Amino acid sequence: MENRVIKTMNSAVKHWYLSVIVGILFILLGFWILRTPLEAYITLALLFSISFFVNGIFEIIFSISNRKGLQSWGWFLTMGIIDLLFGLWLMRSPELSLTVLPLFVGFMILFRSVSTIGFSIEIQAYGSKKWGWLLALGILGIVFSLILIWNPVIAGITIVFWTAMAFLTYGIARIVMGIRFKGLKSEIDKLSL
């Protein structure tokens, strides 16, 4: 039984460096956003619009190709059409996209921050002693995301700064997570000897 647990844990932390790479990319993106605020905001708004459009296309393709295997394929089709139309609407009126962007980023960061908190509690259960840093970074991410969600007017003015701070915080959290993965991998390797 113990050998099976070790194998499961070992495969879970096998590619610990991917988390570090993702963290570095988020940190670089955060610094780029701070260096070029206007370009970053316009780019974020454009990517926001395009992402809905592209997601709508993929949802429609997914639903149609799985209509015989999924009972709920109609819901996927409906959501795909809604995303497609919403993406088109946002691309046709960029000012709307600039307005909605703070809310979208706020909810995205909120979801990822809650996920980081959950992961910190999970690695604490495995005996990692430095899980508190992940917990703190997850809570900090929630604070940044709530600022974006609760006050979109101020967030619209400061979206670039808060987005950069959220990306930097999430990037640091991912690097810490990767380092924790590496530490767990070393401990697992010692146990399996």
C-alpha atoms as a PDB file:
ATOM      1  CA  MET A   1       0.000   0.000   0.000  1.00  0.00           C
ATOM      2  CA  GLU A   2       2.775   2.440   0.980  1.00  0.00           C
ATOM      3  CA  ASN A   3       4.602   1.744  -2.290  1.00  0.00           C
ATOM      4  CA  ARG A   4       1.441   2.595  -4.247  1.00  0.00           C
ATOM      5  CA  VAL A   5       1.066   5.923  -2.406  1.00  0.00           C
ATOM      6  CA  ILE A   6       4.702   6.774  -3.136  1.00  0.00           C
ATOM      7  CA  LYS A   7       4.222   5.992  -6.841  1.00  0.00           C
ATOM      8  CA  THR A   8       1.092   8.160  -6.996  1.00  0.00           C
ATOM      9  CA  MET A   9       2.805  11.075  -5.244  1.00  0.00           C
ATOM     10  CA  ASN A  10       5.925  10.677  -7.394  1.00  0.00           C
ATOM     11  CA  SER A  11       3.931  10.902 -10.614  1.00  0.00           C
ATOM     12  CA  ALA A  12       2.042  13.928  -9.286  1.00  0.00           C
ATOM     13  CA  VAL A  13       5.242  15.918  -8.704  1.00  0.00           C
ATOM     14  CA  LYS A  14       7.223  14.470 -11.600  1.00  0.00           C
ATOM     15  CA  HIS A  15       7.241  17.640 -13.692  1.00  0.00           C
ATOM     16  CA  TRP A  16       7.694  20.156 -10.858  1.00  0.00           C
ATOM     17  CA  TYR A  17       9.680  22.500 -13.128  1.00  0.00           C
ATOM     18  CA  LEU A  18       6.606  23.216 -15.296  1.00  0.00           C
ATOM     19  CA  SER A  19       5.083  25.149 -12.410  1.00  0.00           C
ATOM     20  CA  VAL A  20       8.292  27.197 -12.105  1.00  0.00           C
ATOM     21  CA  ILE A  21       8.261  27.940 -15.849  1.00  0.00           C
ATOM     22  CA  VAL A  22       4.609  29.064 -15.679  1.00  0.00           C
ATOM     23  CA  GLY A  23       5.496  31.261 -12.693  1.00  0.00           C
ATOM     24  CA  ILE A  24       8.384  32.887 -14.554  1.00  0.00           C
ATOM     25  CA  LEU A  25       6.138  33.552 -17.569  1.00  0.00           C
ATOM     26  CA  PHE A  26       3.486  35.195 -15.360  1.00  0.00           C
ATOM     27  CA  ILE A  27       6.156  37.359 -13.686  1.00  0.00           C
ATOM     28  CA  LEU A  28       7.571  38.433 -17.062  1.00  0.00           C
ATOM     29  CA  LEU A  29       4.048  39.228 -18.259  1.00  0.00           C
ATOM     30  CA  GLY A  30       3.427  41.248 -15.090  1.00  0.00           C
ATOM     31  CA  PHE A  31       6.559  43.337 -15.674  1.00  0.00           C
ATOM     32  CA  TRP A  32       5.643  43.835 -19.354  1.00  0.00           C
ATOM     33  CA  ILE A  33       2.209  45.104 -18.308  1.00  0.00           C
ATOM     34  CA  LEU A  34       3.805  47.608 -15.897  1.00  0.00           C
ATOM     35  CA  ARG A  35       6.249  48.836 -18.568  1.00  0.00           C
ATOM     36  CA  THR A  36       3.647  49.358 -21.314  1.00  0.00           C
ATOM     37  CA  PRO A  37       0.345  50.142 -19.565  1.00  0.00           C
ATOM     38  CA  LEU A  38      -1.703  51.522 -22.467  1.00  0.00           C
ATOM     39  CA  GLU A  39      -0.578  48.868 -24.928  1.00  0.00           C
ATOM     40  CA  ALA A  40      -1.114  46.191 -22.300  1.00  0.00           C
ATOM     41  CA  TYR A  41      -4.672  47.312 -21.569  1.00  0.00           C
ATOM     42  CA  ILE A  42      -5.642  47.481 -25.233  1.00  0.00           C
ATOM     43  CA  THR A  43      -3.995  44.103 -25.851  1.00  0.00           C
ATOM     44  CA  LEU A  44      -5.773  42.550 -22.870  1.00  0.00           C
ATOM     45  CA  ALA A  45      -9.125  43.899 -24.075  1.00  0.00           C
ATOM     46  CA  LEU A  46      -8.535  42.603 -27.603  1.00  0.00           C
ATOM     47  CA  LEU A  47      -7.443  39.168 -26.365  1.00  0.00           C
ATOM     48  CA  PHE A  48     -10.466  39.123 -24.080  1.00  0.00           C
ATOM     49  CA  SER A  49     -12.806  39.657 -27.045  1.00  0.00           C
ATOM     50  CA  ILE A  50     -11.037  37.157 -29.276  1.00  0.00           C
ATOM     51  CA  SER A  51     -10.978  34.504 -26.531  1.00  0.00           C
ATOM     52  CA  PHE A  52     -14.776  34.513 -26.298  1.00  0.00           C
ATOM     53  CA  PHE A  53     -15.089  34.277 -30.077  1.00  0.00           C
ATOM     54  CA  VAL A  54     -12.595  31.389 -30.390  1.00  0.00           C
ATOM     55  CA  ASN A  55     -14.022  29.589 -27.359  1.00  0.00           C
ATOM     56  CA  GLY A  56     -17.472  29.823 -28.935  1.00  0.00           C
ATOM     57  CA  ILE A  57     -16.219  28.196 -32.132  1.00  0.00           C
ATOM     58  CA  PHE A  58     -14.569  25.351 -30.209  1.00  0.00           C
ATOM     59  CA  GLU A  59     -17.638  24.810 -28.005  1.00  0.00           C
ATOM     60  CA  ILE A  60     -19.855  24.565 -31.094  1.00  0.00           C
ATOM     61  CA  ILE A  61     -17.478  22.082 -32.756  1.00  0.00           C
ATOM     62  CA  PHE A  62     -17.236  20.068 -29.527  1.00  0.00           C
ATOM     63  CA  SER A  63     -21.005  19.924 -29.060  1.00  0.00           C
ATOM     64  CA  ILE A  64     -21.755  18.917 -32.639  1.00  0.00           C
ATOM     65  CA  SER A  65     -19.026  16.255 -32.706  1.00  0.00           C
ATOM     66  CA  ASN A  66     -20.294  14.793 -29.408  1.00  0.00           C
ATOM     67  CA  ARG A  67     -24.027  15.077 -29.993  1.00  0.00           C
ATOM     68  CA  LYS A  68     -24.443  11.278 -30.071  1.00  0.00           C
ATOM     69  CA  GLY A  69     -22.272  10.606 -27.005  1.00  0.00           C
ATOM     70  CA  LEU A  70     -23.298  13.420 -24.651  1.00  0.00           C
ATOM     71  CA  GLN A  71     -26.817  13.932 -23.382  1.00  0.00           C
ATOM     72  CA  SER A  72     -26.031  17.558 -22.571  1.00  0.00           C
ATOM     73  CA  TRP A  73     -24.534  18.416 -25.961  1.00  0.00           C
ATOM     74  CA  GLY A  74     -27.268  21.019 -26.471  1.00  0.00           C
ATOM     75  CA  TRP A  75     -26.009  23.011 -23.482  1.00  0.00           C
ATOM     76  CA  PHE A  76     -22.493  23.038 -24.931  1.00  0.00           C
ATOM     77  CA  LEU A  77     -23.940  24.192 -28.253  1.00  0.00           C
ATOM     78  CA  THR A  78     -25.961  26.939 -26.561  1.00  0.00           C
ATOM     79  CA  MET A  79     -22.982  28.182 -24.550  1.00  0.00           C
ATOM     80  CA  GLY A  80     -20.808  28.051 -27.667  1.00  0.00           C
ATOM     81  CA  ILE A  81     -23.267  30.195 -29.603  1.00  0.00           C
ATOM     82  CA  ILE A  82     -23.527  32.653 -26.704  1.00  0.00           C
ATOM     83  CA  ASP A  83     -19.718  32.894 -26.407  1.00  0.00           C
ATOM     84  CA  LEU A  84     -19.370  33.318 -30.177  1.00  0.00           C
ATOM     85  CA  LEU A  85     -21.966  36.100 -30.322  1.00  0.00           C
ATOM     86  CA  PHE A  86     -20.560  37.787 -27.189  1.00  0.00           C
ATOM     87  CA  GLY A  87     -17.056  37.676 -28.696  1.00  0.00           C
ATOM     88  CA  LEU A  88     -18.318  39.219 -31.940  1.00  0.00           C
ATOM     89  CA  TRP A  89     -20.150  41.911 -29.987  1.00  0.00           C
ATOM     90  CA  LEU A  90     -17.051  42.733 -27.943  1.00  0.00           C
ATOM     91  CA  MET A  91     -14.851  42.847 -31.063  1.00  0.00           C
ATOM     92  CA  ARG A  92     -17.304  45.233 -32.729  1.00  0.00           C
ATOM     93  CA  SER A  93     -17.358  47.576 -29.733  1.00  0.00           C
ATOM     94  CA  PRO A  94     -13.887  47.683 -28.141  1.00  0.00           C
ATOM     95  CA  GLU A  95     -15.009  50.230 -25.557  1.00  0.00           C
ATOM     96  CA  LEU A  96     -17.379  47.615 -24.102  1.00  0.00           C
ATOM     97  CA  SER A  97     -14.532  45.128 -23.985  1.00  0.00           C
ATOM     98  CA  LEU A  98     -12.407  47.684 -22.113  1.00  0.00           C
ATOM     99  CA  THR A  99     -15.265  48.068 -19.607  1.00  0.00           C
ATOM    100  CA  VAL A 100     -15.930  44.355 -19.037  1.00  0.00           C
ATOM    101  CA  LEU A 101     -12.257  43.360 -18.844  1.00  0.00           C
ATOM    102  CA  PRO A 102     -11.725  44.277 -15.147  1.00  0.00           C
ATOM    103  CA  LEU A 103     -14.560  41.977 -14.076  1.00  0.00           C
ATOM    104  CA  PHE A 104     -13.304  39.088 -16.192  1.00  0.00           C
ATOM    105  CA  VAL A 105      -9.727  39.399 -14.933  1.00  0.00           C
ATOM    106  CA  GLY A 106     -11.006  39.765 -11.364  1.00  0.00           C
ATOM    107  CA  PHE A 107     -12.978  36.523 -11.512  1.00  0.00           C
ATOM    108  CA  MET A 108     -10.132  34.685 -13.276  1.00  0.00           C
ATOM    109  CA  ILE A 109      -7.626  35.712 -10.591  1.00  0.00           C
ATOM    110  CA  LEU A 110     -10.171  34.931  -7.849  1.00  0.00           C
ATOM    111  CA  PHE A 111     -10.601  31.380  -9.166  1.00  0.00           C
ATOM    112  CA  ARG A 112      -6.840  30.809  -9.459  1.00  0.00           C
ATOM    113  CA  SER A 113      -6.209  32.264  -5.994  1.00  0.00           C
ATOM    114  CA  VAL A 114      -8.801  30.008  -4.378  1.00  0.00           C
ATOM    115  CA  SER A 115      -7.162  27.103  -6.223  1.00  0.00           C
ATOM    116  CA  THR A 116      -3.762  28.148  -4.827  1.00  0.00           C
ATOM    117  CA  ILE A 117      -5.184  28.207  -1.284  1.00  0.00           C
ATOM    118  CA  GLY A 118      -6.627  24.735  -1.800  1.00  0.00           C
ATOM    119  CA  PHE A 119      -3.294  23.470  -3.057  1.00  0.00           C
ATOM    120  CA  SER A 120      -1.451  24.980  -0.084  1.00  0.00           C
ATOM    121  CA  ILE A 121      -3.750  23.091   2.279  1.00  0.00           C
ATOM    122  CA  GLU A 122      -3.237  19.918   0.247  1.00  0.00           C
ATOM    123  CA  ILE A 123       0.570  20.076   0.424  1.00  0.00           C
ATOM    124  CA  GLN A 124       0.336  20.888   4.131  1.00  0.00           C
ATOM    125  CA  ALA A 125      -1.449  17.559   4.531  1.00  0.00           C
ATOM    126  CA  TYR A 126       1.552  15.878   2.848  1.00  0.00           C
ATOM    127  CA  GLY A 127       3.797  17.355   5.524  1.00  0.00           C
ATOM    128  CA  SER A 128       5.345  20.295   3.663  1.00  0.00           C
ATOM    129  CA  LYS A 129       6.507  22.853   6.213  1.00  0.00           C
ATOM    130  CA  LYS A 130       6.425  25.914   3.964  1.00  0.00           C
ATOM    131  CA  TRP A 131       2.822  25.672   2.813  1.00  0.00           C
ATOM    132  CA  GLY A 132       1.974  28.948   4.568  1.00  0.00           C
ATOM    133  CA  TRP A 133       3.669  31.006   1.852  1.00  0.00           C
ATOM    134  CA  LEU A 134       1.317  29.592  -0.770  1.00  0.00           C
ATOM    135  CA  LEU A 135      -1.625  30.241   1.516  1.00  0.00           C
ATOM    136  CA  ALA A 136      -0.538  33.868   2.003  1.00  0.00           C
ATOM    137  CA  LEU A 137      -0.014  34.402  -1.735  1.00  0.00           C
ATOM    138  CA  GLY A 138      -3.429  32.879  -2.475  1.00  0.00           C
ATOM    139  CA  ILE A 139      -5.058  35.234   0.037  1.00  0.00           C
ATOM    140  CA  LEU A 140      -3.187  38.183  -1.484  1.00  0.00           C
ATOM    141  CA  GLY A 141      -4.450  37.136  -4.927  1.00  0.00           C
ATOM    142  CA  ILE A 142      -8.010  37.096  -3.574  1.00  0.00           C
ATOM    143  CA  VAL A 143      -7.565  40.639  -2.234  1.00  0.00           C
ATOM    144  CA  PHE A 144      -6.355  41.874  -5.643  1.00  0.00           C
ATOM    145  CA  SER A 145      -9.189  40.088  -7.438  1.00  0.00           C
ATOM    146  CA  LEU A 146     -11.861  41.487  -5.117  1.00  0.00           C
ATOM    147  CA  ILE A 147     -10.566  45.004  -5.750  1.00  0.00           C
ATOM    148  CA  LEU A 148     -11.105  44.397  -9.469  1.00  0.00           C
ATOM    149  CA  ILE A 149     -14.576  42.886  -9.000  1.00  0.00           C
ATOM    150  CA  TRP A 150     -16.036  45.243  -6.380  1.00  0.00           C
ATOM    151  CA  ASN A 151     -15.008  48.529  -7.939  1.00  0.00           C
ATOM    152  CA  PRO A 152     -14.872  48.248 -11.732  1.00  0.00           C
ATOM    153  CA  VAL A 153     -14.698  52.045 -12.187  1.00  0.00           C
ATOM    154  CA  ILE A 154     -11.505  52.318 -10.173  1.00  0.00           C
ATOM    155  CA  ALA A 155     -10.420  48.997 -11.603  1.00  0.00           C
ATOM    156  CA  GLY A 156     -10.923  50.372 -15.111  1.00  0.00           C
ATOM    157  CA  ILE A 157      -8.533  53.179 -14.280  1.00  0.00           C
ATOM    158  CA  THR A 158      -6.020  50.956 -12.548  1.00  0.00           C
ATOM    159  CA  ILE A 159      -6.618  47.653 -14.349  1.00  0.00           C
ATOM    160  CA  VAL A 160      -3.098  47.593 -15.697  1.00  0.00           C
ATOM    161  CA  PHE A 161      -1.522  47.984 -12.268  1.00  0.00           C
ATOM    162  CA  TRP A 162      -3.819  45.477 -10.564  1.00  0.00           C
ATOM    163  CA  THR A 163      -3.500  42.988 -13.409  1.00  0.00           C
ATOM    164  CA  ALA A 164       0.274  43.258 -13.225  1.00  0.00           C
ATOM    165  CA  MET A 165       0.198  42.804  -9.426  1.00  0.00           C
ATOM    166  CA  ALA A 166      -2.109  39.801  -9.749  1.00  0.00           C
ATOM    167  CA  PHE A 167       0.090  38.232 -12.445  1.00  0.00           C
ATOM    168  CA  LEU A 168       3.236  38.869 -10.387  1.00  0.00           C
ATOM    169  CA  THR A 169       1.608  37.386  -7.278  1.00  0.00           C
ATOM    170  CA  TYR A 170       0.360  34.348  -9.171  1.00  0.00           C
ATOM    171  CA  GLY A 171       3.765  33.942 -10.821  1.00  0.00           C
ATOM    172  CA  ILE A 172       5.529  33.957  -7.455  1.00  0.00           C
ATOM    173  CA  ALA A 173       2.947  31.489  -6.123  1.00  0.00           C
ATOM    174  CA  ARG A 174       3.592  29.129  -9.054  1.00  0.00           C
ATOM    175  CA  ILE A 175       7.359  29.297  -8.495  1.00  0.00           C
ATOM    176  CA  VAL A 176       6.902  28.566  -4.784  1.00  0.00           C
ATOM    177  CA  MET A 177       4.540  25.732  -5.747  1.00  0.00           C
ATOM    178  CA  GLY A 178       7.151  24.297  -8.141  1.00  0.00           C
ATOM    179  CA  ILE A 179       9.823  24.478  -5.462  1.00  0.00           C
ATOM    180  CA  ARG A 180       7.459  22.702  -3.041  1.00  0.00           C
ATOM    181  CA  PHE A 181       6.871  20.060  -5.735  1.00  0.00           C
ATOM    182  CA  LYS A 182      10.642  19.619  -6.094  1.00  0.00           C
ATOM    183  CA  GLY A 183      10.994  19.270  -2.321  1.00  0.00           C
ATOM    184  CA  LEU A 184       8.208  16.701  -2.226  1.00  0.00           C
ATOM    185  CA  LYS A 185       9.843  14.833  -5.113  1.00  0.00           C
ATOM    186  CA  SER A 186      13.145  14.684  -3.213  1.00  0.00           C
ATOM    187  CA  GLU A 187      11.373  13.408  -0.101  1.00  0.00           C
ATOM    188  CA  ILE A 188       9.475  10.811  -2.142  1.00  0.00           C
ATOM    189  CA  ASP A 189      12.689   9.689  -3.849  1.00  0.00           C
ATOM    190  CA  LYS A 190      14.270   9.159  -0.408  1.00  0.00           C
ATOM    191  CA  LEU A 191      11.251   7.146   0.757  1.00  0.00           C
ATOM    192  CA  SER A 192      11.317   4.903  -2.305  1.00  0.00           C
ATOM    193  CA  LEU A 193      14.976   3.920  -1.757  1.00  0.00           C
END
